[in-house]
Amino acid sequence: MDYLKDRVTIYEVAKASGVSLATVSRVINKRGNVTDATRKKVEATIERLGYKPSGLARALATSVTTNIGVVIPSANYVYISNMLHGITEVAKEKGFILTLFVTSYSREDAISVVEKVITSHVDGAIIFDDQLDKEDVETINSYSVPTIVINNKIVGQRVGCINFNHEHALNELLKERKQKNIHHKPPVFLHVHNAGRLLSRIEKTFIKFHNDIDMSYRIFNVDDSSKRTYFDFLEFFKKNRNGFFVAYRDSIAAAIVNAAKDSGLEVPKDVEVVSIIGTKYARILRPNLSSFYINMQEVGKRAMYMLIDLLKGELIEKSYKFDATYTARESTIEKE
């Protein structure tokens, strides 16, 4: 993989030739006015350095933006993959090139990746990251890189955002359970360490609701691992034989369901489970999981279309919100 590290860029060609980026671009694309002497000098430099023209280099000649940086925490999660599918679908349709940057679950790593985005000379960026602070994202704005931020409320001259609203849907579900008198099972929220801002907001909604009605609740710490969660709840169900559980993702919710059934408990009679970030697996698992849902493929499409408008200076509404919807299935009781 050393050839990737040593790839020559158009910027190095321009520097070595002693000319501007625009001049190198005109030589590459055989457009514009360039003297024979300058053209020969640039062509000789290209040959000597072994430079291979990229889509970005060709775009410089036509002023068409093509290279978009996409920052995600991981492609392993279904909902992130769905969002990427939406982004790539529009990118392919519009002729954009995507460069993918993946972060780990730490603010330090996320900041490092943002710096890579800035220095990689992308023309625009889409950032989905639950670890960055507002100030971190504003760093990109200071470099004048048009950016759409997902799950972070920030707008600016060259920054737009997309936000998720799970809090209202969760609050309505909890309120409805109270009104229907089906809220008597001990409520438990699964806290995942370093899961990010989205889960933190939902957890605060869960806590506030139960504090407001003076009802006890429990916050249960788990790893972001279905296997470990399963074994944790095998132990949990030895002493606790019922509960209403709010889990982060489908796989975590499924681990609770499996542990409950393997502990001789019935779902949803004894144990009810709700998944916050619902995917297609909510309908595949048995029993089907009650879950909240946002169409992440549409989120990806919307982010890409917003960025295109932002690049053209035509983005009017710089903030967009996706509301989560709740679907009741077999893992919860909807009425007594």
C-alpha atoms as a PDB file:
ATOM      1  CA  MET A   1       0.000   0.000   0.000  1.00  0.00           C
ATOM      2  CA  ASP A   2       3.024   2.318  -0.101  1.00  0.00           C
ATOM      3  CA  TYR A   3       1.941   3.663  -3.470  1.00  0.00           C
ATOM      4  CA  LEU A   4      -1.043   5.314  -1.842  1.00  0.00           C
ATOM      5  CA  LYS A   5       1.136   7.101   0.672  1.00  0.00           C
ATOM      6  CA  ASP A   6       3.516   8.288  -2.045  1.00  0.00           C
ATOM      7  CA  ARG A   7       0.911   9.351  -4.599  1.00  0.00           C
ATOM      8  CA  VAL A   8       1.875  12.629  -6.236  1.00  0.00           C
ATOM      9  CA  THR A   9      -0.712  15.405  -6.073  1.00  0.00           C
ATOM     10  CA  ILE A  10      -1.449  18.260  -8.445  1.00  0.00           C
ATOM     11  CA  TYR A  11      -0.206  20.611  -5.750  1.00  0.00           C
ATOM     12  CA  GLU A  12       3.242  19.013  -5.850  1.00  0.00           C
ATOM     13  CA  VAL A  13       3.294  19.247  -9.652  1.00  0.00           C
ATOM     14  CA  ALA A  14       2.465  22.956  -9.473  1.00  0.00           C
ATOM     15  CA  LYS A  15       5.129  23.576  -6.834  1.00  0.00           C
ATOM     16  CA  ALA A  16       7.809  21.625  -8.707  1.00  0.00           C
ATOM     17  CA  SER A  17       6.950  23.405 -11.961  1.00  0.00           C
ATOM     18  CA  GLY A  18       6.853  26.845 -10.382  1.00  0.00           C
ATOM     19  CA  VAL A  19       3.362  27.548 -11.757  1.00  0.00           C
ATOM     20  CA  SER A  20      -0.148  27.863 -10.373  1.00  0.00           C
ATOM     21  CA  LEU A  21      -2.667  25.061  -9.852  1.00  0.00           C
ATOM     22  CA  ALA A  22      -4.820  26.569 -12.579  1.00  0.00           C
ATOM     23  CA  THR A  23      -1.929  26.407 -15.046  1.00  0.00           C
ATOM     24  CA  VAL A  24      -1.286  22.727 -14.278  1.00  0.00           C
ATOM     25  CA  SER A  25      -4.997  22.047 -14.653  1.00  0.00           C
ATOM     26  CA  ARG A  26      -5.080  23.786 -18.057  1.00  0.00           C
ATOM     27  CA  VAL A  27      -2.147  21.695 -19.243  1.00  0.00           C
ATOM     28  CA  ILE A  28      -3.753  18.455 -18.021  1.00  0.00           C
ATOM     29  CA  ASN A  29      -7.086  19.239 -19.613  1.00  0.00           C
ATOM     30  CA  LYS A  30      -5.589  20.891 -22.720  1.00  0.00           C
ATOM     31  CA  ARG A  31      -7.635  24.032 -22.234  1.00  0.00           C
ATOM     32  CA  GLY A  32      -6.902  27.720 -21.896  1.00  0.00           C
ATOM     33  CA  ASN A  33      -3.913  29.793 -22.891  1.00  0.00           C
ATOM     34  CA  VAL A  34      -0.574  28.278 -21.901  1.00  0.00           C
ATOM     35  CA  THR A  35       2.714  29.066 -23.621  1.00  0.00           C
ATOM     36  CA  ASP A  36       4.573  26.219 -25.267  1.00  0.00           C
ATOM     37  CA  ALA A  37       7.477  26.643 -22.863  1.00  0.00           C
ATOM     38  CA  THR A  38       5.200  26.442 -19.799  1.00  0.00           C
ATOM     39  CA  ARG A  39       3.278  23.496 -21.202  1.00  0.00           C
ATOM     40  CA  LYS A  40       6.488  21.554 -21.894  1.00  0.00           C
ATOM     41  CA  LYS A  41       7.813  22.358 -18.410  1.00  0.00           C
ATOM     42  CA  VAL A  42       4.622  21.115 -16.718  1.00  0.00           C
ATOM     43  CA  GLU A  43       4.441  17.997 -18.899  1.00  0.00           C
ATOM     44  CA  ALA A  44       8.060  17.203 -18.083  1.00  0.00           C
ATOM     45  CA  THR A  45       7.355  17.603 -14.368  1.00  0.00           C
ATOM     46  CA  ILE A  46       4.304  15.337 -14.632  1.00  0.00           C
ATOM     47  CA  GLU A  47       6.374  12.665 -16.336  1.00  0.00           C
ATOM     48  CA  ARG A  48       9.278  13.017 -13.903  1.00  0.00           C
ATOM     49  CA  LEU A  49       7.063  12.808 -10.802  1.00  0.00           C
ATOM     50  CA  GLY A  50       4.797  10.110 -12.220  1.00  0.00           C
ATOM     51  CA  TYR A  51       1.680  12.153 -11.603  1.00  0.00           C
ATOM     52  CA  LYS A  52      -1.700  10.640 -12.542  1.00  0.00           C
ATOM     53  CA  PRO A  53      -4.506  13.202 -13.039  1.00  0.00           C
ATOM     54  CA  SER A  54      -7.426  12.796 -10.643  1.00  0.00           C
ATOM     55  CA  GLY A  55     -11.046  13.785 -10.855  1.00  0.00           C
ATOM     56  CA  LEU A  56     -10.293  16.763  -8.656  1.00  0.00           C
ATOM     57  CA  ALA A  57      -7.533  17.945 -10.991  1.00  0.00           C
ATOM     58  CA  ARG A  58      -9.859  17.774 -13.976  1.00  0.00           C
ATOM     59  CA  ALA A  59     -12.519  19.599 -12.007  1.00  0.00           C
ATOM     60  CA  LEU A  60     -10.203  22.547 -11.410  1.00  0.00           C
ATOM     61  CA  ALA A  61     -10.290  23.294 -15.123  1.00  0.00           C
ATOM     62  CA  THR A  62     -14.058  23.415 -15.344  1.00  0.00           C
ATOM     63  CA  SER A  63     -14.810  24.792 -11.866  1.00  0.00           C
ATOM     64  CA  VAL A  64     -16.979  21.719 -11.219  1.00  0.00           C
ATOM     65  CA  THR A  65     -16.714  20.385  -7.688  1.00  0.00           C
ATOM     66  CA  THR A  66     -16.354  16.614  -7.568  1.00  0.00           C
ATOM     67  CA  ASN A  67     -14.571  15.494  -4.411  1.00  0.00           C
ATOM     68  CA  ILE A  68     -16.661  15.150  -1.234  1.00  0.00           C
ATOM     69  CA  GLY A  69     -15.319  13.946   2.117  1.00  0.00           C
ATOM     70  CA  VAL A  70     -17.693  11.805   4.186  1.00  0.00           C
ATOM     71  CA  VAL A  71     -16.982  11.326   7.902  1.00  0.00           C
ATOM     72  CA  ILE A  72     -18.704   8.441   9.716  1.00  0.00           C
ATOM     73  CA  PRO A  73     -18.096   6.621  13.023  1.00  0.00           C
ATOM     74  CA  SER A  74     -18.306   3.145  11.428  1.00  0.00           C
ATOM     75  CA  ALA A  75     -19.715   1.416   8.365  1.00  0.00           C
ATOM     76  CA  ASN A  76     -20.497  -1.729  10.366  1.00  0.00           C
ATOM     77  CA  TYR A  77     -23.798  -0.434  11.723  1.00  0.00           C
ATOM     78  CA  VAL A  78     -26.820  -0.968   9.500  1.00  0.00           C
ATOM     79  CA  TYR A  79     -28.176   2.548   9.969  1.00  0.00           C
ATOM     80  CA  ILE A  80     -24.820   4.078   8.970  1.00  0.00           C
ATOM     81  CA  SER A  81     -24.621   1.807   5.924  1.00  0.00           C
ATOM     82  CA  ASN A  82     -28.120   2.899   4.942  1.00  0.00           C
ATOM     83  CA  MET A  83     -27.102   6.546   5.184  1.00  0.00           C
ATOM     84  CA  LEU A  84     -23.998   5.902   3.074  1.00  0.00           C
ATOM     85  CA  HIS A  85     -26.163   4.222   0.476  1.00  0.00           C
ATOM     86  CA  GLY A  86     -28.257   7.373   0.188  1.00  0.00           C
ATOM     87  CA  ILE A  87     -25.161   9.576  -0.107  1.00  0.00           C
ATOM     88  CA  THR A  88     -23.541   7.414  -2.771  1.00  0.00           C
ATOM     89  CA  GLU A  89     -26.774   7.134  -4.732  1.00  0.00           C
ATOM     90  CA  VAL A  90     -26.964  10.900  -5.186  1.00  0.00           C
ATOM     91  CA  ALA A  91     -23.192  11.243  -5.661  1.00  0.00           C
ATOM     92  CA  LYS A  92     -23.278   8.735  -8.491  1.00  0.00           C
ATOM     93  CA  GLU A  93     -26.263  10.453 -10.074  1.00  0.00           C
ATOM     94  CA  LYS A  94     -24.569  13.869  -9.951  1.00  0.00           C
ATOM     95  CA  GLY A  95     -21.031  12.719 -10.841  1.00  0.00           C
ATOM     96  CA  PHE A  96     -19.356  13.344  -7.480  1.00  0.00           C
ATOM     97  CA  ILE A  97     -16.387  11.452  -6.065  1.00  0.00           C
ATOM     98  CA  LEU A  98     -16.563  10.437  -2.391  1.00  0.00           C
ATOM     99  CA  THR A  99     -13.645  10.071   0.023  1.00  0.00           C
ATOM    100  CA  LEU A 100     -14.540   8.159   3.188  1.00  0.00           C
ATOM    101  CA  PHE A 101     -13.090   9.000   6.620  1.00  0.00           C
ATOM    102  CA  VAL A 102     -13.892   6.714   9.573  1.00  0.00           C
ATOM    103  CA  THR A 103     -13.555   7.750  13.215  1.00  0.00           C
ATOM    104  CA  SER A 104     -13.507   5.730  16.409  1.00  0.00           C
ATOM    105  CA  TYR A 105     -15.636   6.558  19.426  1.00  0.00           C
ATOM    106  CA  SER A 106     -13.433   9.289  20.878  1.00  0.00           C
ATOM    107  CA  ARG A 107     -13.451  13.042  20.513  1.00  0.00           C
ATOM    108  CA  GLU A 108      -9.681  13.132  19.996  1.00  0.00           C
ATOM    109  CA  ASP A 109      -9.852  10.758  17.052  1.00  0.00           C
ATOM    110  CA  ALA A 110     -12.803  12.626  15.574  1.00  0.00           C
ATOM    111  CA  ILE A 111     -10.867  15.911  15.698  1.00  0.00           C
ATOM    112  CA  SER A 112      -7.895  14.212  14.038  1.00  0.00           C
ATOM    113  CA  VAL A 113     -10.117  12.937  11.238  1.00  0.00           C
ATOM    114  CA  VAL A 114     -11.611  16.392  10.725  1.00  0.00           C
ATOM    115  CA  GLU A 115      -8.105  17.760  10.256  1.00  0.00           C
ATOM    116  CA  LYS A 116      -7.490  15.070   7.639  1.00  0.00           C
ATOM    117  CA  VAL A 117     -10.662  16.128   5.851  1.00  0.00           C
ATOM    118  CA  ILE A 118      -9.471  19.722   5.744  1.00  0.00           C
ATOM    119  CA  THR A 119      -5.957  18.887   4.530  1.00  0.00           C
ATOM    120  CA  SER A 120      -7.121  16.364   1.914  1.00  0.00           C
ATOM    121  CA  HIS A 121      -8.357  19.223  -0.270  1.00  0.00           C
ATOM    122  CA  VAL A 122     -11.946  18.003  -0.493  1.00  0.00           C
ATOM    123  CA  ASP A 123     -14.398  20.456  -2.028  1.00  0.00           C
ATOM    124  CA  GLY A 124     -17.119  19.752   0.515  1.00  0.00           C
ATOM    125  CA  ALA A 125     -17.847  17.467   3.460  1.00  0.00           C
ATOM    126  CA  ILE A 126     -20.650  15.509   5.082  1.00  0.00           C
ATOM    127  CA  ILE A 127     -19.951  14.746   8.726  1.00  0.00           C
ATOM    128  CA  PHE A 128     -21.858  12.248  10.842  1.00  0.00           C
ATOM    129  CA  ASP A 129     -20.124  12.011  14.162  1.00  0.00           C
ATOM    130  CA  ASP A 130     -21.582  11.895  17.650  1.00  0.00           C
ATOM    131  CA  GLN A 131     -18.389  12.929  19.434  1.00  0.00           C
ATOM    132  CA  LEU A 132     -17.580  16.340  17.986  1.00  0.00           C
ATOM    133  CA  ASP A 133     -18.461  19.504  19.861  1.00  0.00           C
ATOM    134  CA  LYS A 134     -19.948  22.495  18.093  1.00  0.00           C
ATOM    135  CA  GLU A 135     -16.568  24.246  18.283  1.00  0.00           C
ATOM    136  CA  ASP A 136     -14.884  21.315  16.567  1.00  0.00           C
ATOM    137  CA  VAL A 137     -17.280  21.416  13.630  1.00  0.00           C
ATOM    138  CA  GLU A 138     -16.906  25.192  13.382  1.00  0.00           C
ATOM    139  CA  THR A 139     -13.214  24.588  12.746  1.00  0.00           C
ATOM    140  CA  ILE A 140     -14.146  23.290   9.326  1.00  0.00           C
ATOM    141  CA  ASN A 141     -16.196  26.392   8.657  1.00  0.00           C
ATOM    142  CA  SER A 142     -13.147  28.515   9.371  1.00  0.00           C
ATOM    143  CA  TYR A 143     -11.401  26.752   6.496  1.00  0.00           C
ATOM    144  CA  SER A 144     -14.310  27.608   4.162  1.00  0.00           C
ATOM    145  CA  VAL A 145     -15.080  23.976   3.362  1.00  0.00           C
ATOM    146  CA  PRO A 146     -18.827  23.709   2.582  1.00  0.00           C
ATOM    147  CA  THR A 147     -20.139  21.184   5.101  1.00  0.00           C
ATOM    148  CA  ILE A 148     -23.346  19.408   6.040  1.00  0.00           C
ATOM    149  CA  VAL A 149     -23.276  18.164   9.631  1.00  0.00           C
ATOM    150  CA  ILE A 150     -25.558  15.303  10.648  1.00  0.00           C
ATOM    151  CA  ASN A 151     -26.702  15.081  14.271  1.00  0.00           C
ATOM    152  CA  ASN A 152     -25.157  18.375  15.357  1.00  0.00           C
ATOM    153  CA  LYS A 153     -27.043  21.678  15.441  1.00  0.00           C
ATOM    154  CA  ILE A 154     -24.840  24.187  13.665  1.00  0.00           C
ATOM    155  CA  VAL A 155     -25.388  26.522  10.746  1.00  0.00           C
ATOM    156  CA  GLY A 156     -23.170  29.141   9.158  1.00  0.00           C
ATOM    157  CA  GLN A 157     -22.294  30.774   5.883  1.00  0.00           C
ATOM    158  CA  ARG A 158     -20.940  27.496   4.547  1.00  0.00           C
ATOM    159  CA  VAL A 159     -22.416  25.011   7.021  1.00  0.00           C
ATOM    160  CA  GLY A 160     -25.815  23.327   7.116  1.00  0.00           C
ATOM    161  CA  CYS A 161     -27.139  20.591   9.381  1.00  0.00           C
ATOM    162  CA  ILE A 162     -29.538  17.674   9.697  1.00  0.00           C
ATOM    163  CA  ASN A 163     -30.894  16.699  13.105  1.00  0.00           C
ATOM    164  CA  PHE A 164     -32.850  13.764  14.512  1.00  0.00           C
ATOM    165  CA  ASN A 165     -35.776  14.026  16.889  1.00  0.00           C
ATOM    166  CA  HIS A 166     -36.231  10.796  18.840  1.00  0.00           C
ATOM    167  CA  GLU A 167     -36.987  12.619  22.074  1.00  0.00           C
ATOM    168  CA  HIS A 168     -40.554  13.627  21.198  1.00  0.00           C
ATOM    169  CA  ALA A 169     -41.466  10.130  20.001  1.00  0.00           C
ATOM    170  CA  LEU A 170     -40.060   8.521  23.163  1.00  0.00           C
ATOM    171  CA  ASN A 171     -41.827  11.007  25.409  1.00  0.00           C
ATOM    172  CA  GLU A 172     -45.137  10.329  23.615  1.00  0.00           C
ATOM    173  CA  LEU A 173     -44.659   6.568  23.997  1.00  0.00           C
ATOM    174  CA  LEU A 174     -43.973   6.855  27.728  1.00  0.00           C
ATOM    175  CA  LYS A 175     -46.928   9.206  28.150  1.00  0.00           C
ATOM    176  CA  GLU A 176     -49.231   6.811  26.295  1.00  0.00           C
ATOM    177  CA  ARG A 177     -48.120   3.875  28.430  1.00  0.00           C
ATOM    178  CA  LYS A 178     -48.932   5.862  31.543  1.00  0.00           C
ATOM    179  CA  GLN A 179     -52.352   6.880  30.232  1.00  0.00           C
ATOM    180  CA  LYS A 180     -53.171   3.260  29.334  1.00  0.00           C
ATOM    181  CA  ASN A 181     -51.865   2.088  32.716  1.00  0.00           C
ATOM    182  CA  ILE A 182     -49.302  -0.234  31.162  1.00  0.00           C
ATOM    183  CA  HIS A 183     -46.306   1.448  32.763  1.00  0.00           C
ATOM    184  CA  HIS A 184     -46.142  -0.694  35.905  1.00  0.00           C
ATOM    185  CA  LYS A 185     -43.071  -2.721  34.905  1.00  0.00           C
ATOM    186  CA  PRO A 186     -39.803  -1.257  36.246  1.00  0.00           C
ATOM    187  CA  PRO A 187     -38.437   1.031  33.479  1.00  0.00           C
ATOM    188  CA  VAL A 188     -34.786   0.452  32.567  1.00  0.00           C
ATOM    189  CA  PHE A 189     -32.665   2.521  30.166  1.00  0.00           C
ATOM    190  CA  LEU A 190     -29.543   0.910  28.737  1.00  0.00           C
ATOM    191  CA  HIS A 191     -26.654   3.348  28.902  1.00  0.00           C
ATOM    192  CA  VAL A 192     -23.864   2.602  26.424  1.00  0.00           C
ATOM    193  CA  HIS A 193     -20.530   4.249  27.256  1.00  0.00           C
ATOM    194  CA  ASN A 194     -19.279   6.618  24.534  1.00  0.00           C
ATOM    195  CA  ALA A 195     -22.404   6.037  22.430  1.00  0.00           C
ATOM    196  CA  GLY A 196     -22.540   9.757  21.753  1.00  0.00           C
ATOM    197  CA  ARG A 197     -24.797  12.766  21.870  1.00  0.00           C
ATOM    198  CA  LEU A 198     -27.912  11.157  20.361  1.00  0.00           C
ATOM    199  CA  LEU A 199     -28.226   8.471  23.018  1.00  0.00           C
ATOM    200  CA  SER A 200     -27.432  11.039  25.713  1.00  0.00           C
ATOM    201  CA  ARG A 201     -30.338  13.246  24.618  1.00  0.00           C
ATOM    202  CA  ILE A 202     -32.720  10.290  24.595  1.00  0.00           C
ATOM    203  CA  GLU A 203     -31.518   9.178  28.018  1.00  0.00           C
ATOM    204  CA  LYS A 204     -32.201  12.658  29.440  1.00  0.00           C
ATOM    205  CA  THR A 205     -35.738  12.503  28.009  1.00  0.00           C
ATOM    206  CA  PHE A 206     -36.267   9.106  29.677  1.00  0.00           C
ATOM    207  CA  ILE A 207     -34.992  10.399  33.035  1.00  0.00           C
ATOM    208  CA  LYS A 208     -36.984  13.650  32.916  1.00  0.00           C
ATOM    209  CA  PHE A 209     -40.245  11.865  32.137  1.00  0.00           C
ATOM    210  CA  HIS A 210     -39.981   9.524  35.109  1.00  0.00           C
ATOM    211  CA  ASN A 211     -38.777  12.267  37.435  1.00  0.00           C
ATOM    212  CA  ASP A 212     -41.760  14.409  36.432  1.00  0.00           C
ATOM    213  CA  ILE A 213     -44.236  11.668  37.376  1.00  0.00           C
ATOM    214  CA  ASP A 214     -42.206  10.705  40.444  1.00  0.00           C
ATOM    215  CA  MET A 215     -41.639   7.152  39.216  1.00  0.00           C
ATOM    216  CA  SER A 216     -38.485   5.215  39.963  1.00  0.00           C
ATOM    217  CA  TYR A 217     -36.351   3.977  37.098  1.00  0.00           C
ATOM    218  CA  ARG A 218     -32.987   2.365  36.501  1.00  0.00           C
ATOM    219  CA  ILE A 219     -30.029   3.185  34.262  1.00  0.00           C
ATOM    220  CA  PHE A 220     -28.201  -0.019  33.345  1.00  0.00           C
ATOM    221  CA  ASN A 221     -24.668   0.271  31.932  1.00  0.00           C
ATOM    222  CA  VAL A 222     -23.849  -2.057  29.054  1.00  0.00           C
ATOM    223  CA  ASP A 223     -21.143  -2.409  26.423  1.00  0.00           C
ATOM    224  CA  ASP A 224     -22.033  -1.784  22.791  1.00  0.00           C
ATOM    225  CA  SER A 225     -21.925  -5.535  22.254  1.00  0.00           C
ATOM    226  CA  SER A 226     -24.896  -7.858  21.855  1.00  0.00           C
ATOM    227  CA  LYS A 227     -22.877 -10.837  23.129  1.00  0.00           C
ATOM    228  CA  ARG A 228     -21.805  -9.127  26.352  1.00  0.00           C
ATOM    229  CA  THR A 229     -25.267  -7.657  26.861  1.00  0.00           C
ATOM    230  CA  TYR A 230     -26.783 -11.132  26.557  1.00  0.00           C
ATOM    231  CA  PHE A 231     -24.579 -12.523  29.327  1.00  0.00           C
ATOM    232  CA  ASP A 232     -25.086  -9.407  31.483  1.00  0.00           C
ATOM    233  CA  PHE A 233     -28.835  -9.909  31.303  1.00  0.00           C
ATOM    234  CA  LEU A 234     -28.664 -13.610  32.023  1.00  0.00           C
ATOM    235  CA  GLU A 235     -27.263 -12.476  35.382  1.00  0.00           C
ATOM    236  CA  PHE A 236     -29.727  -9.603  35.646  1.00  0.00           C
ATOM    237  CA  PHE A 237     -32.768 -11.843  35.165  1.00  0.00           C
ATOM    238  CA  LYS A 238     -31.687 -14.164  37.986  1.00  0.00           C
ATOM    239  CA  LYS A 239     -32.874 -11.496  40.428  1.00  0.00           C
ATOM    240  CA  ASN A 240     -35.102  -9.260  38.307  1.00  0.00           C
ATOM    241  CA  ARG A 241     -37.948 -11.091  36.653  1.00  0.00           C
ATOM    242  CA  ASN A 242     -39.643  -8.290  34.747  1.00  0.00           C
ATOM    243  CA  GLY A 243     -39.033  -4.853  33.237  1.00  0.00           C
ATOM    244  CA  PHE A 244     -39.584  -2.380  30.412  1.00  0.00           C
ATOM    245  CA  PHE A 245     -36.239  -1.911  28.632  1.00  0.00           C
ATOM    246  CA  VAL A 246     -35.189   0.868  26.255  1.00  0.00           C
ATOM    247  CA  ALA A 247     -32.171  -0.293  24.230  1.00  0.00           C
ATOM    248  CA  TYR A 248     -29.867   1.639  21.898  1.00  0.00           C
ATOM    249  CA  ARG A 249     -29.943  -0.609  18.818  1.00  0.00           C
ATOM    250  CA  ASP A 250     -31.746  -3.670  17.490  1.00  0.00           C
ATOM    251  CA  SER A 251     -28.855  -6.002  18.304  1.00  0.00           C
ATOM    252  CA  ILE A 252     -28.777  -4.836  21.937  1.00  0.00           C
ATOM    253  CA  ALA A 253     -32.558  -5.179  22.193  1.00  0.00           C
ATOM    254  CA  ALA A 254     -32.353  -8.680  20.700  1.00  0.00           C
ATOM    255  CA  ALA A 255     -29.754  -9.663  23.311  1.00  0.00           C
ATOM    256  CA  ILE A 256     -32.203  -8.721  26.091  1.00  0.00           C
ATOM    257  CA  VAL A 257     -35.021 -10.665  24.430  1.00  0.00           C
ATOM    258  CA  ASN A 258     -32.843 -13.756  24.051  1.00  0.00           C
ATOM    259  CA  ALA A 259     -31.580 -13.543  27.623  1.00  0.00           C
ATOM    260  CA  ALA A 260     -35.149 -13.177  28.899  1.00  0.00           C
ATOM    261  CA  LYS A 261     -36.406 -16.212  26.979  1.00  0.00           C
ATOM    262  CA  ASP A 262     -33.389 -18.283  28.026  1.00  0.00           C
ATOM    263  CA  SER A 263     -34.139 -17.278  31.625  1.00  0.00           C
ATOM    264  CA  GLY A 264     -37.660 -18.702  31.402  1.00  0.00           C
ATOM    265  CA  LEU A 265     -39.354 -15.313  31.001  1.00  0.00           C
ATOM    266  CA  GLU A 266     -42.002 -14.381  28.455  1.00  0.00           C
ATOM    267  CA  VAL A 267     -41.807 -11.479  26.014  1.00  0.00           C
ATOM    268  CA  PRO A 268     -43.765  -9.209  26.296  1.00  0.00           C
ATOM    269  CA  LYS A 269     -45.677 -10.564  29.321  1.00  0.00           C
ATOM    270  CA  ASP A 270     -42.712 -10.347  31.691  1.00  0.00           C
ATOM    271  CA  VAL A 271     -40.151  -8.389  29.705  1.00  0.00           C
ATOM    272  CA  GLU A 272     -40.855  -5.591  27.223  1.00  0.00           C
ATOM    273  CA  VAL A 273     -38.142  -4.230  24.957  1.00  0.00           C
ATOM    274  CA  VAL A 274     -37.966  -1.163  22.695  1.00  0.00           C
ATOM    275  CA  SER A 275     -35.152  -0.374  20.248  1.00  0.00           C
ATOM    276  CA  ILE A 276     -34.243   3.280  19.717  1.00  0.00           C
ATOM    277  CA  ILE A 277     -32.458   2.953  16.371  1.00  0.00           C
ATOM    278  CA  GLY A 278     -34.694   0.549  14.508  1.00  0.00           C
ATOM    279  CA  THR A 279     -33.611  -1.130  11.278  1.00  0.00           C
ATOM    280  CA  LYS A 280     -34.925  -3.900   9.044  1.00  0.00           C
ATOM    281  CA  TYR A 281     -33.854  -6.394  11.698  1.00  0.00           C
ATOM    282  CA  ALA A 282     -36.647  -5.206  13.990  1.00  0.00           C
ATOM    283  CA  ARG A 283     -39.072  -6.953  11.634  1.00  0.00           C
ATOM    284  CA  ILE A 284     -36.877 -10.024  11.123  1.00  0.00           C
ATOM    285  CA  LEU A 285     -36.173 -10.916  14.754  1.00  0.00           C
ATOM    286  CA  ARG A 286     -38.615 -13.108  16.674  1.00  0.00           C
ATOM    287  CA  PRO A 287     -40.500 -11.666  18.358  1.00  0.00           C
ATOM    288  CA  ASN A 288     -40.566  -8.588  16.139  1.00  0.00           C
ATOM    289  CA  LEU A 289     -39.081  -5.629  18.003  1.00  0.00           C
ATOM    290  CA  SER A 290     -41.034  -2.492  18.784  1.00  0.00           C
ATOM    291  CA  SER A 291     -38.776   0.315  17.619  1.00  0.00           C
ATOM    292  CA  PHE A 292     -38.236   3.912  16.614  1.00  0.00           C
ATOM    293  CA  TYR A 293     -37.289   4.533  13.017  1.00  0.00           C
ATOM    294  CA  ILE A 294     -35.742   7.172  10.798  1.00  0.00           C
ATOM    295  CA  ASN A 295     -35.122   6.422   7.133  1.00  0.00           C
ATOM    296  CA  MET A 296     -31.340   6.814   7.089  1.00  0.00           C
ATOM    297  CA  GLN A 297     -31.128   6.331   3.332  1.00  0.00           C
ATOM    298  CA  GLU A 298     -33.280   9.447   2.967  1.00  0.00           C
ATOM    299  CA  VAL A 299     -31.018  11.206   5.480  1.00  0.00           C
ATOM    300  CA  GLY A 300     -28.030  10.455   3.239  1.00  0.00           C
ATOM    301  CA  LYS A 301     -29.842  11.694   0.144  1.00  0.00           C
ATOM    302  CA  ARG A 302     -30.985  14.860   1.883  1.00  0.00           C
ATOM    303  CA  ALA A 303     -27.450  15.563   3.158  1.00  0.00           C
ATOM    304  CA  MET A 304     -25.999  15.204  -0.331  1.00  0.00           C
ATOM    305  CA  TYR A 305     -28.628  17.383  -1.984  1.00  0.00           C
ATOM    306  CA  MET A 306     -28.175  20.034   0.720  1.00  0.00           C
ATOM    307  CA  LEU A 307     -24.412  19.993   0.170  1.00  0.00           C
ATOM    308  CA  ILE A 308     -24.824  20.381  -3.592  1.00  0.00           C
ATOM    309  CA  ASP A 309     -27.039  23.431  -3.033  1.00  0.00           C
ATOM    310  CA  LEU A 310     -24.567  24.778  -0.480  1.00  0.00           C
ATOM    311  CA  LEU A 311     -21.702  24.405  -2.957  1.00  0.00           C
ATOM    312  CA  LYS A 312     -23.689  26.377  -5.516  1.00  0.00           C
ATOM    313  CA  GLY A 313     -24.641  29.025  -2.951  1.00  0.00           C
ATOM    314  CA  GLU A 314     -28.307  28.093  -3.302  1.00  0.00           C
ATOM    315  CA  LEU A 315     -29.048  26.429   0.045  1.00  0.00           C
ATOM    316  CA  ILE A 316     -31.763  28.529   1.678  1.00  0.00           C
ATOM    317  CA  GLU A 317     -32.956  26.277   4.511  1.00  0.00           C
ATOM    318  CA  LYS A 318     -29.702  25.290   6.214  1.00  0.00           C
ATOM    319  CA  SER A 319     -31.307  23.201   8.954  1.00  0.00           C
ATOM    320  CA  TYR A 320     -33.476  20.115   8.436  1.00  0.00           C
ATOM    321  CA  LYS A 321     -35.040  17.775  11.000  1.00  0.00           C
ATOM    322  CA  PHE A 322     -36.024  14.122  10.704  1.00  0.00           C
ATOM    323  CA  ASP A 323     -38.640  13.020  13.243  1.00  0.00           C
ATOM    324  CA  ALA A 324     -38.474   9.440  14.477  1.00  0.00           C
ATOM    325  CA  THR A 325     -41.643   7.362  14.254  1.00  0.00           C
ATOM    326  CA  TYR A 326     -42.582   4.598  16.672  1.00  0.00           C
ATOM    327  CA  THR A 327     -43.894   1.236  15.505  1.00  0.00           C
ATOM    328  CA  ALA A 328     -45.336  -1.144  18.082  1.00  0.00           C
ATOM    329  CA  ARG A 329     -44.611  -4.815  17.415  1.00  0.00           C
ATOM    330  CA  GLU A 330     -44.452  -8.042  19.416  1.00  0.00           C
ATOM    331  CA  SER A 331     -41.890  -7.057  22.048  1.00  0.00           C
ATOM    332  CA  THR A 332     -44.221  -4.648  23.892  1.00  0.00           C
ATOM    333  CA  ILE A 333     -47.733  -4.631  25.312  1.00  0.00           C
ATOM    334  CA  GLU A 334     -49.915  -1.884  23.883  1.00  0.00           C
ATOM    335  CA  LYS A 335     -52.917  -2.329  26.106  1.00  0.00           C
ATOM    336  CA  GLU A 336     -53.948  -4.340  29.152  1.00  0.00           C
END
